[in-house]
Protein backbone atom coordinates (compact mmCIF):
# COMPACT_ATOMS: atom_id res chain seq x y z
CA MET A 1 -17.01 21.12 -6.32
CA THR A 2 -16.87 17.62 -4.84
CA THR A 3 -19.86 15.30 -4.84
CA PRO A 4 -21.11 13.52 -1.69
CA ARG A 5 -18.90 10.62 -2.79
CA THR A 6 -15.75 12.69 -2.33
CA GLU A 7 -16.59 15.19 0.39
CA HIS A 8 -14.42 13.17 2.80
CA LEU A 9 -11.43 14.10 0.64
CA VAL A 10 -11.60 17.74 1.68
CA LEU A 11 -9.06 18.43 4.42
CA PRO A 12 -7.89 21.83 5.71
CA GLY A 13 -4.48 22.77 4.43
CA VAL A 14 -4.32 19.65 2.26
CA LEU A 15 -7.18 19.50 -0.26
CA THR A 16 -9.97 21.92 -1.04
CA ALA A 17 -13.06 20.64 -2.83
CA GLU A 18 -11.68 21.76 -6.17
CA GLU A 19 -8.23 20.33 -5.49
CA ALA A 20 -9.65 16.96 -4.45
CA THR A 21 -11.62 16.79 -7.69
CA ALA A 22 -8.52 17.73 -9.70
CA THR A 23 -6.40 15.04 -8.04
CA VAL A 24 -8.98 12.36 -8.73
CA ARG A 25 -9.23 13.50 -12.34
CA GLY A 26 -5.45 13.46 -12.61
CA LEU A 27 -5.33 9.88 -11.37
CA LEU A 28 -8.09 8.84 -13.77
CA ALA A 29 -6.13 10.40 -16.62
CA VAL A 30 -3.17 8.12 -15.89
CA GLN A 31 -5.31 4.98 -16.07
CA ARG A 32 -5.32 3.25 -19.45
CA PRO A 33 -8.55 2.10 -21.14
CA ASP A 34 -7.69 -1.52 -20.27
CA GLY A 35 -7.67 -0.65 -16.55
CA ALA A 36 -3.90 -0.56 -16.02
CA ILE A 37 -2.51 2.26 -13.87
CA PRO A 38 1.19 2.89 -14.63
CA TRP A 39 3.36 5.16 -12.52
CA PHE A 40 2.71 7.79 -15.18
CA ARG A 41 1.95 7.53 -18.87
CA GLY A 42 4.96 6.17 -20.69
CA HIS A 43 6.44 4.56 -17.58
CA HIS A 44 6.04 1.05 -16.21
CA LEU A 45 3.32 -0.47 -14.02
CA ASP A 46 4.01 -2.54 -10.93
CA PRO A 47 1.19 -4.54 -9.28
CA TRP A 48 1.53 -3.00 -5.78
CA ASP A 49 1.35 0.63 -6.85
CA HIS A 50 -1.35 -0.22 -9.40
CA THR A 51 -3.44 -1.63 -6.53
CA GLU A 52 -2.79 1.34 -4.27
CA SER A 53 -4.01 3.66 -7.03
CA ALA A 54 -7.12 1.51 -7.53
CA MET A 55 -7.85 1.80 -3.81
CA ALA A 56 -7.57 5.58 -4.07
CA LEU A 57 -10.11 5.54 -6.90
CA ASP A 58 -12.52 3.58 -4.72
CA ALA A 59 -11.96 6.05 -1.89
CA ALA A 60 -12.97 8.76 -4.36
CA GLY A 61 -16.12 6.92 -5.41
CA GLU A 62 -14.74 5.94 -8.82
CA HIS A 63 -15.78 2.32 -8.41
CA GLU A 64 -16.07 1.44 -12.08
CA ALA A 65 -12.51 2.61 -12.75
CA ALA A 66 -11.25 0.68 -9.72
CA ALA A 67 -13.06 -2.47 -10.87
CA ARG A 68 -11.34 -2.19 -14.26
CA ALA A 69 -7.99 -2.01 -12.45
CA TYR A 70 -8.71 -5.25 -10.60
CA ALA A 71 -9.93 -6.92 -13.79
CA TRP A 72 -6.55 -6.04 -15.32
CA LEU A 73 -4.83 -7.85 -12.45
CA ALA A 74 -7.03 -10.92 -12.87
CA ARG A 75 -6.25 -11.08 -16.60
CA HIS A 76 -2.50 -10.77 -16.14
CA GLN A 77 -1.94 -13.06 -13.17
CA ASN A 78 0.67 -15.74 -13.79
CA PRO A 79 -0.31 -19.43 -13.52
CA ASP A 80 1.53 -19.69 -10.18
CA GLY A 81 -0.56 -16.87 -8.65
CA SER A 82 2.08 -14.15 -8.98
CA TRP A 83 2.57 -11.07 -11.10
CA TYR A 84 5.77 -9.82 -12.64
CA ALA A 85 7.51 -6.92 -10.96
CA ALA A 86 7.07 -4.48 -13.86
CA TYR A 87 5.06 -4.15 -17.09
CA ALA A 88 5.65 -1.60 -19.83
CA ASP A 89 3.02 1.10 -20.32
CA GLY A 90 1.14 0.60 -23.57
CA ASP A 91 1.82 -3.12 -23.94
CA PRO A 92 0.79 -5.31 -20.98
CA ASP A 93 2.55 -8.28 -22.57
CA ASP A 94 5.88 -6.41 -22.52
CA VAL A 95 7.32 -7.39 -19.14
CA THR A 96 10.29 -5.25 -18.13
CA ASP A 97 11.14 -7.13 -14.91
CA HIS A 98 10.41 -10.87 -14.76
CA ALA A 99 11.06 -11.22 -11.03
CA ARG A 100 7.95 -12.13 -9.01
CA GLU A 101 7.89 -10.27 -5.71
CA THR A 102 5.82 -11.59 -2.83
CA ASN A 103 4.57 -8.29 -1.43
CA PHE A 104 3.60 -7.13 -4.93
CA SER A 105 1.53 -10.27 -5.37
CA ALA A 106 -0.05 -10.26 -1.91
CA TYR A 107 -1.39 -6.71 -2.05
CA VAL A 108 -4.28 -7.65 -4.34
CA ALA A 109 -6.02 -9.00 -1.22
CA VAL A 110 -5.98 -5.56 0.41
CA GLY A 111 -7.38 -3.93 -2.71
CA VAL A 112 -10.11 -6.53 -3.27
CA TRP A 113 -11.29 -6.33 0.34
CA HIS A 114 -11.27 -2.52 0.17
CA HIS A 115 -13.31 -2.55 -3.05
CA TYR A 116 -15.80 -5.00 -1.58
CA LEU A 117 -16.25 -2.87 1.54
CA ALA A 118 -16.66 0.24 -0.62
CA THR A 119 -19.23 -1.29 -2.97
CA GLY A 120 -20.78 -4.36 -1.35
CA ASP A 121 -20.43 -6.06 -4.73
CA GLU A 122 -20.72 -9.79 -4.06
CA GLY A 123 -20.24 -10.61 -7.74
CA PHE A 124 -16.90 -8.81 -7.72
CA LEU A 125 -15.84 -10.80 -4.68
CA ASP A 126 -16.80 -14.05 -6.40
CA ARG A 127 -14.87 -13.12 -9.53
CA MET A 128 -11.73 -12.06 -7.67
CA TRP A 129 -11.60 -14.79 -5.03
CA PRO A 130 -9.67 -17.25 -7.26
CA THR A 131 -7.17 -14.47 -8.01
CA VAL A 132 -6.66 -13.68 -4.33
CA PHE A 133 -6.45 -17.35 -3.36
CA ALA A 134 -3.77 -18.09 -5.95
CA ALA A 135 -1.80 -14.98 -4.98
CA VAL A 136 -1.77 -15.92 -1.28
CA GLU A 137 -0.68 -19.46 -2.06
CA PHE A 138 2.21 -18.12 -4.17
CA VAL A 139 3.29 -15.86 -1.32
CA LEU A 140 3.07 -18.47 1.43
CA ALA A 141 5.17 -20.91 -0.58
CA LEU A 142 8.05 -18.50 0.19
CA GLN A 143 7.39 -18.24 3.94
CA GLN A 144 10.47 -19.24 5.90
CA PRO A 145 10.58 -21.40 9.06
CA GLY A 146 10.99 -18.23 11.15
CA GLY A 147 7.72 -16.76 9.84
CA GLN A 148 9.23 -14.11 7.56
CA ILE A 149 8.39 -14.11 3.85
CA GLY A 150 11.09 -14.51 1.21
CA TRP A 151 11.38 -11.48 -1.00
CA LYS A 152 10.79 -12.92 -4.47
CA ARG A 153 11.34 -15.58 -7.08
CA GLU A 154 14.00 -14.80 -9.65
CA PRO A 155 13.01 -14.86 -13.35
CA ASP A 156 14.19 -18.48 -13.57
CA GLY A 157 11.97 -19.44 -10.61
CA THR A 158 14.71 -19.58 -7.98
CA PRO A 159 13.27 -18.54 -4.59
CA VAL A 160 15.05 -15.76 -2.70
CA PRO A 161 14.72 -16.57 1.02
CA ASP A 162 15.97 -13.16 2.22
CA ALA A 163 13.09 -11.20 3.73
CA LEU A 164 12.36 -7.47 3.74
CA LEU A 165 10.70 -5.97 6.80
CA THR A 166 8.61 -3.53 4.78
CA GLY A 167 7.50 -6.19 2.32
CA SER A 168 6.68 -8.73 5.02
CA SER A 169 4.73 -6.08 6.94
CA SER A 170 2.68 -5.30 3.84
CA ILE A 171 2.05 -9.02 3.44
CA HIS A 172 0.85 -9.17 7.06
CA GLN A 173 -1.91 -6.67 6.21
CA ALA A 174 -2.68 -8.53 2.99
CA LEU A 175 -3.04 -11.89 4.75
CA ARG A 176 -5.48 -10.39 7.23
CA CYS A 177 -7.54 -8.97 4.37
CA ALA A 178 -7.39 -12.35 2.63
CA LEU A 179 -8.71 -14.00 5.80
CA ALA A 180 -11.54 -11.44 5.89
CA LEU A 181 -12.41 -12.38 2.31
CA ALA A 182 -12.32 -16.07 3.23
CA ASP A 183 -14.61 -15.43 6.20
CA GLN A 184 -17.01 -13.50 3.98
CA ARG A 185 -17.17 -16.49 1.65
CA ASP A 186 -17.37 -18.95 4.56
CA GLU A 187 -14.24 -20.72 3.32
CA PRO A 188 -11.93 -21.07 6.35
CA GLN A 189 -8.19 -21.07 5.64
CA PRO A 190 -6.45 -22.42 8.75
CA ASP A 191 -3.04 -22.48 7.05
CA TRP A 192 -3.33 -18.77 6.38
CA GLU A 193 -4.25 -18.15 10.03
CA LEU A 194 -1.10 -19.91 11.16
CA ALA A 195 0.99 -18.09 8.58
CA VAL A 196 -0.11 -14.59 9.59
CA GLY A 197 0.51 -15.31 13.27
CA ALA A 198 4.01 -16.59 12.58
CA LEU A 199 4.73 -13.61 10.35
CA ARG A 200 3.52 -11.12 12.97
CA HIS A 201 5.70 -12.76 15.61
CA ALA A 202 8.76 -12.47 13.36
CA ILE A 203 8.06 -8.78 12.67
CA ARG A 204 7.54 -7.92 16.34
CA ARG A 205 10.19 -10.04 17.98
CA HIS A 206 12.86 -11.05 15.49
CA PRO A 207 14.34 -8.16 13.49
CA GLU A 208 17.38 -10.31 12.79
CA ARG A 209 15.27 -12.41 10.43
CA PHE A 210 15.04 -9.50 7.97
CA LEU A 211 17.63 -7.76 5.83
CA ASP A 212 19.00 -4.65 7.51
CA LYS A 213 17.32 -1.74 5.74
CA ASN A 214 16.85 0.54 8.74
CA ARG A 215 18.13 3.53 6.78
CA TYR A 216 14.80 3.46 4.93
CA SER A 217 11.82 5.17 6.51
CA MET A 218 9.45 2.46 5.30
CA ASP A 219 11.15 -0.06 7.61
CA TRP A 220 10.42 2.38 10.45
CA TYR A 221 6.70 2.98 10.00
CA TYR A 222 5.45 0.04 7.93
CA PRO A 223 5.12 -2.47 10.78
CA VAL A 224 2.76 0.09 12.38
CA LEU A 225 0.90 0.92 9.18
CA ALA A 226 0.35 -2.78 8.46
CA GLY A 227 -0.95 -3.53 11.95
CA ALA A 228 1.82 -5.91 12.98
CA VAL A 229 2.94 -3.51 15.73
CA SER A 230 0.26 -1.68 17.70
CA GLY A 231 -0.54 0.04 20.98
CA ALA A 232 2.28 1.29 23.19
CA GLU A 233 4.80 -0.63 21.10
CA ALA A 234 3.69 1.29 18.00
CA ALA A 235 3.86 4.64 19.78
CA GLU A 236 7.39 3.84 20.96
CA ARG A 237 8.46 2.83 17.47
CA ILE A 238 7.11 6.03 15.91
CA ALA A 239 8.74 8.19 18.57
CA GLY A 240 12.07 6.41 18.16
CA GLY A 241 12.41 7.28 14.48
CA TRP A 242 10.70 10.65 14.33
CA ASP A 243 13.72 12.97 14.46
CA ARG A 244 15.65 10.71 12.15
CA PHE A 245 13.16 10.67 9.31
CA VAL A 246 10.78 13.63 9.60
CA VAL A 247 11.95 16.95 8.18
CA PRO A 248 9.63 19.67 9.54
CA GLY A 249 7.93 21.65 6.82
CA TYR A 250 9.06 19.29 4.05
CA GLY A 251 7.88 15.76 4.78
CA VAL A 252 9.52 12.40 5.39
CA ARG A 253 12.92 11.27 4.17
CA CYS A 254 12.97 8.17 2.03
CA VAL A 255 16.41 7.17 3.29
CA VAL A 256 18.90 8.70 5.71
CA PRO A 257 21.14 10.62 5.46
CA ASN A 258 19.97 11.78 2.02
CA PRO A 259 18.28 15.23 2.04
CA TRP A 260 15.34 13.92 0.00
CA VAL A 261 11.73 13.80 1.12
CA THR A 262 9.10 11.83 -0.76
CA GLY A 263 5.36 12.27 -1.00
CA GLY A 264 4.51 8.57 -0.93
CA GLU A 265 6.42 7.83 2.27
CA SER A 266 5.03 10.99 3.87
CA ALA A 267 1.43 10.07 3.09
CA GLU A 268 1.97 6.52 4.32
CA LEU A 269 3.45 7.81 7.56
CA ALA A 270 0.35 9.97 7.94
CA LEU A 271 -1.77 6.82 7.55
CA ALA A 272 0.34 5.05 10.16
CA LEU A 273 -0.07 7.98 12.54
CA TRP A 274 -3.83 7.88 12.00
CA THR A 275 -3.93 4.17 12.87
CA VAL A 276 -2.43 4.91 16.31
CA GLY A 277 -4.71 7.87 17.02
CA GLU A 278 -2.26 10.62 16.05
CA SER A 279 -4.57 12.43 13.65
CA ASP A 280 -3.19 15.88 14.43
CA ARG A 281 0.35 14.86 13.52
CA ALA A 282 -0.96 12.99 10.48
CA LEU A 283 -2.60 16.21 9.30
CA GLU A 284 0.63 18.14 9.84
CA ILE A 285 2.57 15.66 7.72
CA LEU A 286 0.03 15.88 4.89
CA GLN A 287 0.08 19.66 5.04
CA SER A 288 3.88 19.67 4.91
CA ILE A 289 4.01 17.94 1.50
CA GLN A 290 1.70 20.27 -0.37
CA HIS A 291 4.81 21.87 -1.87
CA LEU A 292 4.91 18.70 -4.01
CA ARG A 293 1.53 19.38 -5.60
CA ASP A 294 1.41 20.25 -9.29
CA PRO A 295 -1.49 22.69 -9.68
CA ASP A 296 -1.97 21.95 -13.36
CA SER A 297 -2.53 18.18 -13.13
CA GLY A 298 -3.61 17.86 -9.50
CA LEU A 299 -0.94 15.16 -9.09
CA TYR A 300 2.15 15.18 -6.88
CA TRP A 301 5.86 15.10 -7.58
CA THR A 302 7.56 11.98 -6.26
CA GLY A 303 10.12 13.83 -4.16
CA TYR A 304 12.07 16.94 -3.30
CA VAL A 305 15.78 17.45 -2.54
CA TYR A 306 15.46 20.16 0.07
CA ALA A 307 19.20 20.82 0.25
CA ASP A 308 19.06 21.89 -3.41
CA ARG A 309 15.49 23.20 -3.37
CA ALA A 310 14.77 20.99 -6.35
CA VAL A 311 12.03 18.57 -7.35
CA TRP A 312 13.57 15.15 -8.03
CA PRO A 313 12.86 13.05 -9.94
CA GLU A 314 10.72 15.16 -12.25
CA GLU A 315 7.82 12.76 -12.40
CA LEU A 316 4.20 12.99 -11.24
CA THR A 317 3.42 9.50 -10.00
CA SER A 318 0.01 7.90 -9.69
CA TRP A 319 0.97 6.13 -6.49
CA THR A 320 2.03 9.35 -4.76
CA ALA A 321 -1.41 10.82 -5.42
CA GLY A 322 -2.97 7.49 -4.46
CA ALA A 323 -1.21 7.36 -1.10
CA LEU A 324 -2.22 10.93 -0.33
CA LEU A 325 -5.87 10.30 -1.24
CA LEU A 326 -5.99 7.20 0.98
CA ALA A 327 -4.48 9.10 3.92
CA VAL A 328 -6.97 11.94 3.46
CA ALA A 329 -9.82 9.43 3.13
CA ALA A 330 -8.86 7.80 6.44
CA LEU A 331 -8.74 11.14 8.23
CA GLY A 332 -12.04 12.03 6.55
CA GLY A 333 -13.76 8.90 7.84
CA HIS A 334 -14.23 6.96 4.60
CA GLU A 335 -15.60 3.70 5.97
CA ALA A 336 -13.86 1.19 3.70
CA THR A 337 -10.47 2.90 3.97
CA CYS A 338 -10.76 3.18 7.74
CA ALA A 339 -11.70 -0.50 8.04
CA VAL A 340 -8.75 -1.68 5.95
CA PHE A 341 -6.10 0.42 7.69
CA ALA A 342 -7.44 0.54 11.26
CA GLY A 343 -7.67 -3.23 11.08
CA ASP A 344 -9.91 -3.62 14.12
CA ARG A 345 -12.37 -5.70 12.09
CA LEU A 346 -9.76 -7.79 10.31
CA PRO A 347 -9.01 -11.34 11.48
CA TRP A 348 -5.79 -11.73 13.43
CA GLY A 349 -5.09 -15.34 12.61
CA LEU A 350 -3.43 -17.53 15.23
CA ASP A 351 -0.64 -16.08 17.35
CA ALA A 352 2.67 -17.88 17.22
CA PRO A 353 4.06 -19.31 20.48
CA CYS A 354 5.73 -16.59 22.49
CA CYS A 355 8.94 -18.58 22.82
CA ALA A 356 9.41 -19.26 19.07
């Protein structure tokens, strides 16, 4: 049975009380004693998915475990404010990908703001502020004149100016959360305000400034999920890609034309639908991916090739469960999760000139 901390994780056709408890326990079982949350035990950790899983733990009331996850990030941050793209499970000093991706580094701001809203822990905010500040400065050093954010720095430090729409959209949400943290600390960051406005303008008005990845569903819904596109424009965007990416009864394709649906993308689409007031369709999407649930662990398979009726790859990933728990928490009214993803209380920064 769930406790009052997790009763918002019960959702008809998605999670019963017992299933919600099992999923949270499954996620906790993946976390290492040092706070790290790899994809699954024996696989690597990346900072973005680690943070998403920590947010799911906070949504489930597991605040101590989430705090340990953020402490891991603080301990392993590079001197330039970044994190490496991948760390081996079992040895945090064994880096398996030395690239430093901007959206991976920015997402700590979303997680820290979410944890603060969930706990009200001012001491945590004080401890993590230097980490967030350094991460944002690393990211904005790769912002291009058109507002978009360069994808990464190569292992040798060479900046990659090419921008990804999904990554830049995620950074848009992260910058708004970073501004909220700055406001909470009464430390204005006018450069960040300008940066987020320029980035939002690029996302909304200049698709040519991003690499063409429109075969990927994340490029479809992420501008909506991250709050860069809203209102009627968001509804039009969702409607325009629905038949292309949504497979009724199975979930959301990761990439067209492949007959492969994935739990993470499906749960994130559900969150995006919730942000634009489409809770009924969000619920339907979450219900459609319950075929990915592993009843023994409470976790979820990464994806399913429906043409072959086969789970693929055969891995139960922490971030798939994390995305689902966050989507359920939003539909269930969890205050911190709703605040972070609805975005109505997040600073907007300064809008870029309309003619830029």
